[in-house]
């Protein structure tokens, strides 16, 4: 991890990609406007806000090893969470065909 600032930028970038793909899907398939897509976007925003709050309030501020491990876990949660969001979008797009 380079810095907290870079981690926040990564969070924003990846969540924006999920939301952007949701909007692209809804524009390409306007007949498939669903509540599931709206719920997915809402969940992505909540996930982003949760991660940013976690980054801003690390555990064990006095011990650098604990802080480093904490940020590594946030980074891991970011990757797995974004992957799950993309999987949900994939299932929505397959289900609506």
PDB file of N, CA and C in Angstrom:
ATOM      1  N   UNK A   1       0.847  -1.171   0.000  1.00  0.00           N
ATOM      2  CA  UNK A   1       0.000   0.000   0.000  1.00  0.00           C
ATOM      3  C   UNK A   1       0.892   1.234   0.000  1.00  0.00           C
ATOM      4  N   UNK A   2       0.645   2.125  -0.927  1.00  0.00           N
ATOM      5  CA  UNK A   2       1.466   3.321  -1.032  1.00  0.00           C
ATOM      6  C   UNK A   2       1.083   4.358   0.023  1.00  0.00           C
ATOM      7  N   UNK A   3      -0.192   4.691   0.094  1.00  0.00           N
ATOM      8  CA  UNK A   3      -0.623   5.683   1.066  1.00  0.00           C
ATOM      9  C   UNK A   3      -2.128   5.586   1.273  1.00  0.00           C
ATOM     10  N   UNK A   4      -2.569   6.242   2.312  1.00  0.00           N
ATOM     11  CA  UNK A   4      -4.006   6.288   2.588  1.00  0.00           C
ATOM     12  C   UNK A   4      -4.718   7.027   1.467  1.00  0.00           C
ATOM     13  N   UNK A   5      -4.093   8.061   0.972  1.00  0.00           N
ATOM     14  CA  UNK A   5      -4.676   8.851  -0.114  1.00  0.00           C
ATOM     15  C   UNK A   5      -4.892   7.986  -1.361  1.00  0.00           C
ATOM     16  N   UNK A   6      -3.907   7.177  -1.700  1.00  0.00           N
ATOM     17  CA  UNK A   6      -4.025   6.299  -2.861  1.00  0.00           C
ATOM     18  C   UNK A   6      -5.108   5.237  -2.634  1.00  0.00           C
ATOM     19  N   UNK A   7      -5.217   4.733  -1.426  1.00  0.00           N
ATOM     20  CA  UNK A   7      -6.250   3.758  -1.113  1.00  0.00           C
ATOM     21  C   UNK A   7      -7.631   4.360  -1.296  1.00  0.00           C
ATOM     22  N   UNK A   8      -7.820   5.581  -0.841  1.00  0.00           N
ATOM     23  CA  UNK A   8      -9.100   6.266  -1.025  1.00  0.00           C
ATOM     24  C   UNK A   8      -9.397   6.475  -2.503  1.00  0.00           C
ATOM     25  N   UNK A   9      -8.383   6.818  -3.276  1.00  0.00           N
ATOM     26  CA  UNK A   9      -8.568   6.990  -4.724  1.00  0.00           C
ATOM     27  C   UNK A   9      -8.947   5.659  -5.382  1.00  0.00           C
ATOM     28  N   UNK A  10      -8.318   4.571  -4.947  1.00  0.00           N
ATOM     29  CA  UNK A  10      -8.651   3.252  -5.478  1.00  0.00           C
ATOM     30  C   UNK A  10     -10.092   2.881  -5.162  1.00  0.00           C
ATOM     31  N   UNK A  11     -10.514   3.170  -3.939  1.00  0.00           N
ATOM     32  CA  UNK A  11     -11.893   2.887  -3.539  1.00  0.00           C
ATOM     33  C   UNK A  11     -12.852   3.649  -4.435  1.00  0.00           C
ATOM     34  N   UNK A  12     -12.625   4.940  -4.585  1.00  0.00           N
ATOM     35  CA  UNK A  12     -13.517   5.752  -5.419  1.00  0.00           C
ATOM     36  C   UNK A  12     -13.516   5.274  -6.868  1.00  0.00           C
ATOM     37  N   UNK A  13     -12.352   4.957  -7.398  1.00  0.00           N
ATOM     38  CA  UNK A  13     -12.252   4.534  -8.792  1.00  0.00           C
ATOM     39  C   UNK A  13     -13.005   3.234  -9.037  1.00  0.00           C
ATOM     40  N   UNK A  14     -12.785   2.234  -8.185  1.00  0.00           N
ATOM     41  CA  UNK A  14     -13.415   0.939  -8.399  1.00  0.00           C
ATOM     42  C   UNK A  14     -14.931   0.992  -8.209  1.00  0.00           C
ATOM     43  N   UNK A  15     -15.379   1.709  -7.206  1.00  0.00           N
ATOM     44  CA  UNK A  15     -16.824   1.830  -7.001  1.00  0.00           C
ATOM     45  C   UNK A  15     -17.462   2.617  -8.145  1.00  0.00           C
ATOM     46  N   UNK A  16     -16.762   3.642  -8.636  1.00  0.00           N
ATOM     47  CA  UNK A  16     -17.275   4.390  -9.774  1.00  0.00           C
ATOM     48  C   UNK A  16     -17.391   3.488 -10.998  1.00  0.00           C
ATOM     49  N   UNK A  17     -16.463   2.571 -11.179  1.00  0.00           N
ATOM     50  CA  UNK A  17     -16.528   1.643 -12.310  1.00  0.00           C
ATOM     51  C   UNK A  17     -17.769   0.757 -12.218  1.00  0.00           C
ATOM     52  N   UNK A  18     -18.089   0.286 -11.035  1.00  0.00           N
ATOM     53  CA  UNK A  18     -19.293  -0.534 -10.851  1.00  0.00           C
ATOM     54  C   UNK A  18     -20.531   0.284 -11.197  1.00  0.00           C
ATOM     55  N   UNK A  19     -20.611   1.486 -10.657  1.00  0.00           N
ATOM     56  CA  UNK A  19     -21.776   2.338 -10.898  1.00  0.00           C
ATOM     57  C   UNK A  19     -21.864   2.714 -12.368  1.00  0.00           C
ATOM     58  N   UNK A  20     -20.732   3.014 -12.975  1.00  0.00           N
ATOM     59  CA  UNK A  20     -20.692   3.355 -14.391  1.00  0.00           C
ATOM     60  C   UNK A  20     -21.193   2.192 -15.248  1.00  0.00           C
ATOM     61  N   UNK A  21     -20.761   0.980 -14.939  1.00  0.00           N
ATOM     62  CA  UNK A  21     -21.231  -0.184 -15.683  1.00  0.00           C
ATOM     63  C   UNK A  21     -22.729  -0.396 -15.505  1.00  0.00           C
ATOM     64  N   UNK A  22     -23.244  -0.096 -14.328  1.00  0.00           N
ATOM     65  CA  UNK A  22     -24.693  -0.193 -14.104  1.00  0.00           C
ATOM     66  C   UNK A  22     -25.445   0.795 -15.001  1.00  0.00           C
ATOM     67  N   UNK A  23     -24.946   2.014 -15.087  1.00  0.00           N
ATOM     68  CA  UNK A  23     -25.602   3.009 -15.937  1.00  0.00           C
ATOM     69  C   UNK A  23     -25.475   2.661 -17.410  1.00  0.00           C
ATOM     70  N   UNK A  24     -24.350   2.123 -17.821  1.00  0.00           N
ATOM     71  CA  UNK A  24     -24.182   1.695 -19.213  1.00  0.00           C
ATOM     72  C   UNK A  24     -25.181   0.590 -19.528  1.00  0.00           C
ATOM     73  N   UNK A  25     -25.304  -0.373 -18.631  1.00  0.00           N
ATOM     74  CA  UNK A  25     -26.263  -1.450 -18.846  1.00  0.00           C
ATOM     75  C   UNK A  25     -27.687  -0.902 -18.951  1.00  0.00           C
ATOM     76  N   UNK A  26     -28.043   0.019 -18.088  1.00  0.00           N
ATOM     77  CA  UNK A  26     -29.407   0.554 -18.128  1.00  0.00           C
ATOM     78  C   UNK A  26     -29.649   1.384 -19.383  1.00  0.00           C
ATOM     79  N   UNK A  27     -28.606   2.014 -19.933  1.00  0.00           N
ATOM     80  CA  UNK A  27     -28.767   2.774 -21.173  1.00  0.00           C
ATOM     81  C   UNK A  27     -28.813   1.867 -22.392  1.00  0.00           C
ATOM     82  N   UNK A  28     -28.073   0.778 -22.368  1.00  0.00           N
ATOM     83  CA  UNK A  28     -28.085  -0.155 -23.493  1.00  0.00           C
ATOM     84  C   UNK A  28     -29.382  -0.959 -23.509  1.00  0.00           C
ATOM     85  N   UNK A  29     -29.895  -1.267 -22.343  1.00  0.00           N
ATOM     86  CA  UNK A  29     -31.137  -2.045 -22.212  1.00  0.00           C
ATOM     87  C   UNK A  29     -32.182  -1.221 -21.456  1.00  0.00           C
ATOM     88  N   UNK A  30     -32.728  -0.193 -22.093  1.00  0.00           N
ATOM     89  CA  UNK A  30     -33.683   0.661 -21.362  1.00  0.00           C
ATOM     90  C   UNK A  30     -34.970  -0.069 -20.973  1.00  0.00           C
ATOM     91  N   UNK A  31     -35.278  -1.160 -21.653  1.00  0.00           N
ATOM     92  CA  UNK A  31     -36.486  -1.907 -21.317  1.00  0.00           C
ATOM     93  C   UNK A  31     -36.336  -2.689 -20.021  1.00  0.00           C
ATOM     94  N   UNK A  32     -35.114  -2.856 -19.569  1.00  0.00           N
ATOM     95  CA  UNK A  32     -34.852  -3.647 -18.360  1.00  0.00           C
ATOM     96  C   UNK A  32     -34.553  -2.786 -17.141  1.00  0.00           C
ATOM     97  N   UNK A  33     -35.218  -1.678 -16.999  1.00  0.00           N
ATOM     98  CA  UNK A  33     -35.032  -0.854 -15.796  1.00  0.00           C
ATOM     99  C   UNK A  33     -35.598  -1.642 -14.614  1.00  0.00           C
ATOM    100  N   UNK A  34     -34.736  -1.980 -13.708  1.00  0.00           N
ATOM    101  CA  UNK A  34     -35.198  -2.811 -12.604  1.00  0.00           C
ATOM    102  C   UNK A  34     -34.806  -2.220 -11.264  1.00  0.00           C
ATOM    103  N   UNK A  35     -35.528  -2.678 -10.261  1.00  0.00           N
ATOM    104  CA  UNK A  35     -35.207  -2.283  -8.897  1.00  0.00           C
ATOM    105  C   UNK A  35     -33.895  -2.916  -8.442  1.00  0.00           C
ATOM    106  N   UNK A  36     -33.559  -4.066  -9.047  1.00  0.00           N
ATOM    107  CA  UNK A  36     -32.311  -4.730  -8.692  1.00  0.00           C
ATOM    108  C   UNK A  36     -31.101  -3.868  -9.047  1.00  0.00           C
ATOM    109  N   UNK A  37     -31.174  -3.203 -10.186  1.00  0.00           N
ATOM    110  CA  UNK A  37     -30.081  -2.334 -10.609  1.00  0.00           C
ATOM    111  C   UNK A  37     -29.955  -1.133  -9.680  1.00  0.00           C
ATOM    112  N   UNK A  38     -31.080  -0.564  -9.299  1.00  0.00           N
ATOM    113  CA  UNK A  38     -31.068   0.548  -8.356  1.00  0.00           C
ATOM    114  C   UNK A  38     -30.518   0.110  -7.005  1.00  0.00           C
ATOM    115  N   UNK A  39     -30.907  -1.079  -6.581  1.00  0.00           N
ATOM    116  CA  UNK A  39     -30.416  -1.613  -5.307  1.00  0.00           C
ATOM    117  C   UNK A  39     -28.910  -1.870  -5.369  1.00  0.00           C
ATOM    118  N   UNK A  40     -28.431  -2.340  -6.516  1.00  0.00           N
ATOM    119  CA  UNK A  40     -26.998  -2.585  -6.684  1.00  0.00           C
ATOM    120  C   UNK A  40     -26.206  -1.284  -6.586  1.00  0.00           C
ATOM    121  N   UNK A  41     -26.693  -0.239  -7.212  1.00  0.00           N
ATOM    122  CA  UNK A  41     -26.023   1.061  -7.137  1.00  0.00           C
ATOM    123  C   UNK A  41     -26.026   1.574  -5.699  1.00  0.00           C
ATOM    124  N   UNK A  42     -27.148   1.431  -5.026  1.00  0.00           N
ATOM    125  CA  UNK A  42     -27.251   1.864  -3.631  1.00  0.00           C
ATOM    126  C   UNK A  42     -26.281   1.084  -2.744  1.00  0.00           C
ATOM    127  N   UNK A  43     -26.190  -0.221  -2.958  1.00  0.00           N
ATOM    128  CA  UNK A  43     -25.259  -1.044  -2.182  1.00  0.00           C
ATOM    129  C   UNK A  43     -23.811  -0.655  -2.450  1.00  0.00           C
ATOM    130  N   UNK A  44     -23.509  -0.313  -3.706  1.00  0.00           N
ATOM    131  CA  UNK A  44     -22.146   0.110  -4.049  1.00  0.00           C
ATOM    132  C   UNK A  44     -21.780   1.401  -3.326  1.00  0.00           C
ATOM    133  N   UNK A  45     -22.707   2.336  -3.265  1.00  0.00           N
ATOM    134  CA  UNK A  45     -22.449   3.602  -2.576  1.00  0.00           C
ATOM    135  C   UNK A  45     -22.280   3.370  -1.073  1.00  0.00           C
ATOM    136  N   UNK A  46     -23.118   2.522  -0.500  1.00  0.00           N
ATOM    137  CA  UNK A  46     -22.984   2.200   0.924  1.00  0.00           C
ATOM    138  C   UNK A  46     -21.656   1.510   1.212  1.00  0.00           C
ATOM    139  N   UNK A  47     -21.252   0.608   0.319  1.00  0.00           N
ATOM    140  CA  UNK A  47     -19.976  -0.091   0.469  1.00  0.00           C
ATOM    141  C   UNK A  47     -18.820   0.898   0.417  1.00  0.00           C
ATOM    142  N   UNK A  48     -18.888   1.844  -0.501  1.00  0.00           N
ATOM    143  CA  UNK A  48     -17.848   2.883  -0.624  1.00  0.00           C
ATOM    144  C   UNK A  48     -17.768   3.705   0.649  1.00  0.00           C
ATOM    145  N   UNK A  49     -18.907   4.143   1.142  1.00  0.00           N
ATOM    146  CA  UNK A  49     -18.930   4.960   2.356  1.00  0.00           C
ATOM    147  C   UNK A  49     -18.381   4.191   3.561  1.00  0.00           C
ATOM    148  N   UNK A  50     -18.693   2.902   3.643  1.00  0.00           N
ATOM    149  CA  UNK A  50     -18.184   2.076   4.729  1.00  0.00           C
ATOM    150  C   UNK A  50     -16.660   1.952   4.650  1.00  0.00           C
ATOM    151  N   UNK A  51     -16.140   1.713   3.454  1.00  0.00           N
ATOM    152  CA  UNK A  51     -14.697   1.585   3.299  1.00  0.00           C
ATOM    153  C   UNK A  51     -13.973   2.887   3.615  1.00  0.00           C
ATOM    154  N   UNK A  52     -14.505   4.011   3.160  1.00  0.00           N
ATOM    155  CA  UNK A  52     -13.881   5.307   3.443  1.00  0.00           C
ATOM    156  C   UNK A  52     -13.882   5.566   4.950  1.00  0.00           C
ATOM    157  N   UNK A  53     -14.976   5.220   5.625  1.00  0.00           N
ATOM    158  CA  UNK A  53     -15.032   5.398   7.083  1.00  0.00           C
ATOM    159  C   UNK A  53     -13.998   4.515   7.773  1.00  0.00           C
ATOM    160  N   UNK A  54     -13.819   3.294   7.273  1.00  0.00           N
ATOM    161  CA  UNK A  54     -12.809   2.409   7.849  1.00  0.00           C
ATOM    162  C   UNK A  54     -11.402   2.946   7.629  1.00  0.00           C
ATOM    163  N   UNK A  55     -11.149   3.504   6.458  1.00  0.00           N
ATOM    164  CA  UNK A  55      -9.819   4.062   6.161  1.00  0.00           C
ATOM    165  C   UNK A  55      -9.539   5.265   7.058  1.00  0.00           C
ATOM    166  N   UNK A  56     -10.552   6.064   7.305  1.00  0.00           N
ATOM    167  CA  UNK A  56     -10.364   7.264   8.129  1.00  0.00           C
ATOM    168  C   UNK A  56     -10.207   6.965   9.615  1.00  0.00           C
ATOM    169  N   UNK A  57     -10.588   5.777  10.049  1.00  0.00           N
ATOM    170  CA  UNK A  57     -10.526   5.428  11.467  1.00  0.00           C
ATOM    171  C   UNK A  57      -9.823   4.093  11.665  1.00  0.00           C
ATOM    172  N   UNK A  58      -8.500   4.047  11.494  1.00  0.00           N
ATOM    173  CA  UNK A  58      -7.782   2.770  11.620  1.00  0.00           C
ATOM    174  C   UNK A  58      -7.680   2.307  13.073  1.00  0.00           C
ATOM    175  N   UNK A  59      -7.557   0.988  13.220  1.00  0.00           N
ATOM    176  CA  UNK A  59      -7.340   0.395  14.542  1.00  0.00           C
ATOM    177  C   UNK A  59      -5.861   0.454  14.896  1.00  0.00           C
ATOM    178  N   UNK A  60      -5.545   0.577  16.155  1.00  0.00           N
ATOM    179  CA  UNK A  60      -4.172   0.505  16.639  1.00  0.00           C
ATOM    180  C   UNK A  60      -3.263   1.584  16.093  1.00  0.00           C
ATOM    181  N   UNK A  61      -3.660   2.828  16.223  1.00  0.00           N
ATOM    182  CA  UNK A  61      -2.895   3.940  15.660  1.00  0.00           C
ATOM    183  C   UNK A  61      -1.465   4.035  16.190  1.00  0.00           C
ATOM    184  N   UNK A  62      -1.202   3.463  17.333  1.00  0.00           N
ATOM    185  CA  UNK A  62       0.123   3.571  17.936  1.00  0.00           C
ATOM    186  C   UNK A  62       1.109   2.534  17.399  1.00  0.00           C
ATOM    187  N   UNK A  63       0.606   1.427  16.888  1.00  0.00           N
ATOM    188  CA  UNK A  63       1.467   0.345  16.421  1.00  0.00           C
ATOM    189  C   UNK A  63       1.444   0.285  14.889  1.00  0.00           C
ATOM    190  N   UNK A  64       2.565   0.584  14.239  1.00  0.00           N
ATOM    191  CA  UNK A  64       2.599   0.593  12.769  1.00  0.00           C
ATOM    192  C   UNK A  64       2.277  -0.754  12.133  1.00  0.00           C
ATOM    193  N   UNK A  65       2.640  -1.851  12.785  1.00  0.00           N
ATOM    194  CA  UNK A  65       2.339  -3.169  12.228  1.00  0.00           C
ATOM    195  C   UNK A  65       0.842  -3.432  12.192  1.00  0.00           C
ATOM    196  N   UNK A  66       0.161  -3.030  13.249  1.00  0.00           N
ATOM    197  CA  UNK A  66      -1.290  -3.213  13.309  1.00  0.00           C
ATOM    198  C   UNK A  66      -1.965  -2.346  12.250  1.00  0.00           C
ATOM    199  N   UNK A  67      -1.501  -1.128  12.095  1.00  0.00           N
ATOM    200  CA  UNK A  67      -2.084  -0.210  11.111  1.00  0.00           C
ATOM    201  C   UNK A  67      -1.884  -0.750   9.697  1.00  0.00           C
ATOM    202  N   UNK A  68      -0.689  -1.259   9.418  1.00  0.00           N
ATOM    203  CA  UNK A  68      -0.402  -1.799   8.088  1.00  0.00           C
ATOM    204  C   UNK A  68      -1.295  -3.004   7.796  1.00  0.00           C
ATOM    205  N   UNK A  69      -1.443  -3.886   8.762  1.00  0.00           N
ATOM    206  CA  UNK A  69      -2.314  -5.049   8.593  1.00  0.00           C
ATOM    207  C   UNK A  69      -3.769  -4.618   8.421  1.00  0.00           C
ATOM    208  N   UNK A  70      -4.162  -3.582   9.141  1.00  0.00           N
ATOM    209  CA  UNK A  70      -5.528  -3.074   9.044  1.00  0.00           C
ATOM    210  C   UNK A  70      -5.818  -2.562   7.627  1.00  0.00           C
ATOM    211  N   UNK A  71      -4.900  -1.780   7.081  1.00  0.00           N
ATOM    212  CA  UNK A  71      -5.095  -1.251   5.729  1.00  0.00           C
ATOM    213  C   UNK A  71      -5.035  -2.354   4.681  1.00  0.00           C
ATOM    214  N   UNK A  72      -4.236  -3.369   4.912  1.00  0.00           N
ATOM    215  CA  UNK A  72      -4.204  -4.519   3.997  1.00  0.00           C
ATOM    216  C   UNK A  72      -5.558  -5.232   3.995  1.00  0.00           C
ATOM    217  N   UNK A  73      -6.183  -5.342   5.170  1.00  0.00           N
ATOM    218  CA  UNK A  73      -7.494  -5.990   5.232  1.00  0.00           C
ATOM    219  C   UNK A  73      -8.558  -5.138   4.541  1.00  0.00           C
ATOM    220  N   UNK A  74      -8.450  -3.816   4.653  1.00  0.00           N
ATOM    221  CA  UNK A  74      -9.386  -2.934   3.950  1.00  0.00           C
ATOM    222  C   UNK A  74      -9.208  -3.095   2.446  1.00  0.00           C
ATOM    223  N   UNK A  75      -7.965  -3.166   2.004  1.00  0.00           N
ATOM    224  CA  UNK A  75      -7.671  -3.338   0.585  1.00  0.00           C
ATOM    225  C   UNK A  75      -8.233  -4.670   0.071  1.00  0.00           C
ATOM    226  N   UNK A  76      -8.079  -5.713   0.855  1.00  0.00           N
ATOM    227  CA  UNK A  76      -8.610  -7.028   0.480  1.00  0.00           C
ATOM    228  C   UNK A  76     -10.131  -6.988   0.415  1.00  0.00           C
ATOM    229  N   UNK A  77     -10.761  -6.350   1.396  1.00  0.00           N
ATOM    230  CA  UNK A  77     -12.219  -6.228   1.402  1.00  0.00           C
ATOM    231  C   UNK A  77     -12.710  -5.434   0.191  1.00  0.00           C
ATOM    232  N   UNK A  78     -11.937  -4.434  -0.216  1.00  0.00           N
ATOM    233  CA  UNK A  78     -12.288  -3.648  -1.401  1.00  0.00           C
ATOM    234  C   UNK A  78     -12.336  -4.543  -2.633  1.00  0.00           C
ATOM    235  N   UNK A  79     -11.306  -5.325  -2.841  1.00  0.00           N
ATOM    236  CA  UNK A  79     -11.233  -6.171  -4.023  1.00  0.00           C
ATOM    237  C   UNK A  79     -12.340  -7.223  -4.019  1.00  0.00           C
ATOM    238  N   UNK A  80     -12.550  -7.884  -2.905  1.00  0.00           N
ATOM    239  CA  UNK A  80     -13.592  -8.914  -2.849  1.00  0.00           C
ATOM    240  C   UNK A  80     -14.986  -8.305  -2.965  1.00  0.00           C
ATOM    241  N   UNK A  81     -15.185  -7.148  -2.352  1.00  0.00           N
ATOM    242  CA  UNK A  81     -16.493  -6.492  -2.428  1.00  0.00           C
ATOM    243  C   UNK A  81     -16.829  -6.011  -3.823  1.00  0.00           C
ATOM    244  N   UNK A  82     -15.861  -5.439  -4.509  1.00  0.00           N
ATOM    245  CA  UNK A  82     -16.091  -4.974  -5.878  1.00  0.00           C
ATOM    246  C   UNK A  82     -16.356  -6.165  -6.793  1.00  0.00           C
ATOM    247  N   UNK A  83     -15.636  -7.253  -6.570  1.00  0.00           N
ATOM    248  CA  UNK A  83     -15.862  -8.460  -7.357  1.00  0.00           C
ATOM    249  C   UNK A  83     -17.283  -8.967  -7.175  1.00  0.00           C
ATOM    250  N   UNK A  84     -17.771  -8.960  -5.938  1.00  0.00           N
ATOM    251  CA  UNK A  84     -19.145  -9.397  -5.673  1.00  0.00           C
ATOM    252  C   UNK A  84     -20.163  -8.470  -6.342  1.00  0.00           C
ATOM    253  N   UNK A  85     -19.880  -7.167  -6.339  1.00  0.00           N
ATOM    254  CA  UNK A  85     -20.789  -6.225  -6.999  1.00  0.00           C
ATOM    255  C   UNK A  85     -20.834  -6.478  -8.502  1.00  0.00           C
ATOM    256  N   UNK A  86     -19.688  -6.717  -9.117  1.00  0.00           N
ATOM    257  CA  UNK A  86     -19.665  -7.028 -10.548  1.00  0.00           C
ATOM    258  C   UNK A  86     -20.374  -8.345 -10.844  1.00  0.00           C
ATOM    259  N   UNK A  87     -20.237  -9.326  -9.958  1.00  0.00           N
ATOM    260  CA  UNK A  87     -20.951 -10.591 -10.143  1.00  0.00           C
ATOM    261  C   UNK A  87     -22.461 -10.387 -10.082  1.00  0.00           C
ATOM    262  N   UNK A  88     -22.904  -9.539  -9.179  1.00  0.00           N
ATOM    263  CA  UNK A  88     -24.340  -9.238  -9.099  1.00  0.00           C
ATOM    264  C   UNK A  88     -24.831  -8.577 -10.378  1.00  0.00           C
ATOM    265  N   UNK A  89     -24.035  -7.652 -10.927  1.00  0.00           N
ATOM    266  CA  UNK A  89     -24.402  -7.008 -12.181  1.00  0.00           C
ATOM    267  C   UNK A  89     -24.463  -8.029 -13.305  1.00  0.00           C
ATOM    268  N   UNK A  90     -23.544  -8.964 -13.323  1.00  0.00           N
ATOM    269  CA  UNK A  90     -23.542 -10.012 -14.342  1.00  0.00           C
ATOM    270  C   UNK A  90     -24.791 -10.877 -14.245  1.00  0.00           C
ATOM    271  N   UNK A  91     -25.187 -11.234 -13.033  1.00  0.00           N
ATOM    272  CA  UNK A  91     -26.385 -12.058 -12.885  1.00  0.00           C
ATOM    273  C   UNK A  91     -27.641 -11.286 -13.286  1.00  0.00           C
ATOM    274  N   UNK A  92     -27.665  -9.983 -13.023  1.00  0.00           N
ATOM    275  CA  UNK A  92     -28.804  -9.165 -13.447  1.00  0.00           C
ATOM    276  C   UNK A  92     -28.870  -9.125 -14.967  1.00  0.00           C
ATOM    277  N   UNK A  93     -27.735  -8.955 -15.628  1.00  0.00           N
ATOM    278  CA  UNK A  93     -27.736  -8.851 -17.086  1.00  0.00           C
ATOM    279  C   UNK A  93     -28.073 -10.198 -17.734  1.00  0.00           C
ATOM    280  N   UNK A  94     -27.628 -11.300 -17.151  1.00  0.00           N
ATOM    281  CA  UNK A  94     -27.957 -12.613 -17.711  1.00  0.00           C
ATOM    282  C   UNK A  94     -29.423 -12.939 -17.482  1.00  0.00           C
ATOM    283  N   UNK A  95     -29.925 -12.578 -16.328  1.00  0.00           N
ATOM    284  CA  UNK A  95     -31.316 -12.885 -15.981  1.00  0.00           C
ATOM    285  C   UNK A  95     -32.308 -12.119 -16.855  1.00  0.00           C
ATOM    286  N   UNK A  96     -31.949 -10.927 -17.291  1.00  0.00           N
ATOM    287  CA  UNK A  96     -32.874 -10.080 -18.025  1.00  0.00           C
ATOM    288  C   UNK A  96     -32.902 -10.371 -19.523  1.00  0.00           C
ATOM    289  N   UNK A  97     -32.009 -11.226 -20.009  1.00  0.00           N
ATOM    290  CA  UNK A  97     -31.977 -11.501 -21.461  1.00  0.00           C
ATOM    291  C   UNK A  97     -33.111 -12.348 -21.901  1.00  0.00           C
TER     292      UNK A  97
END
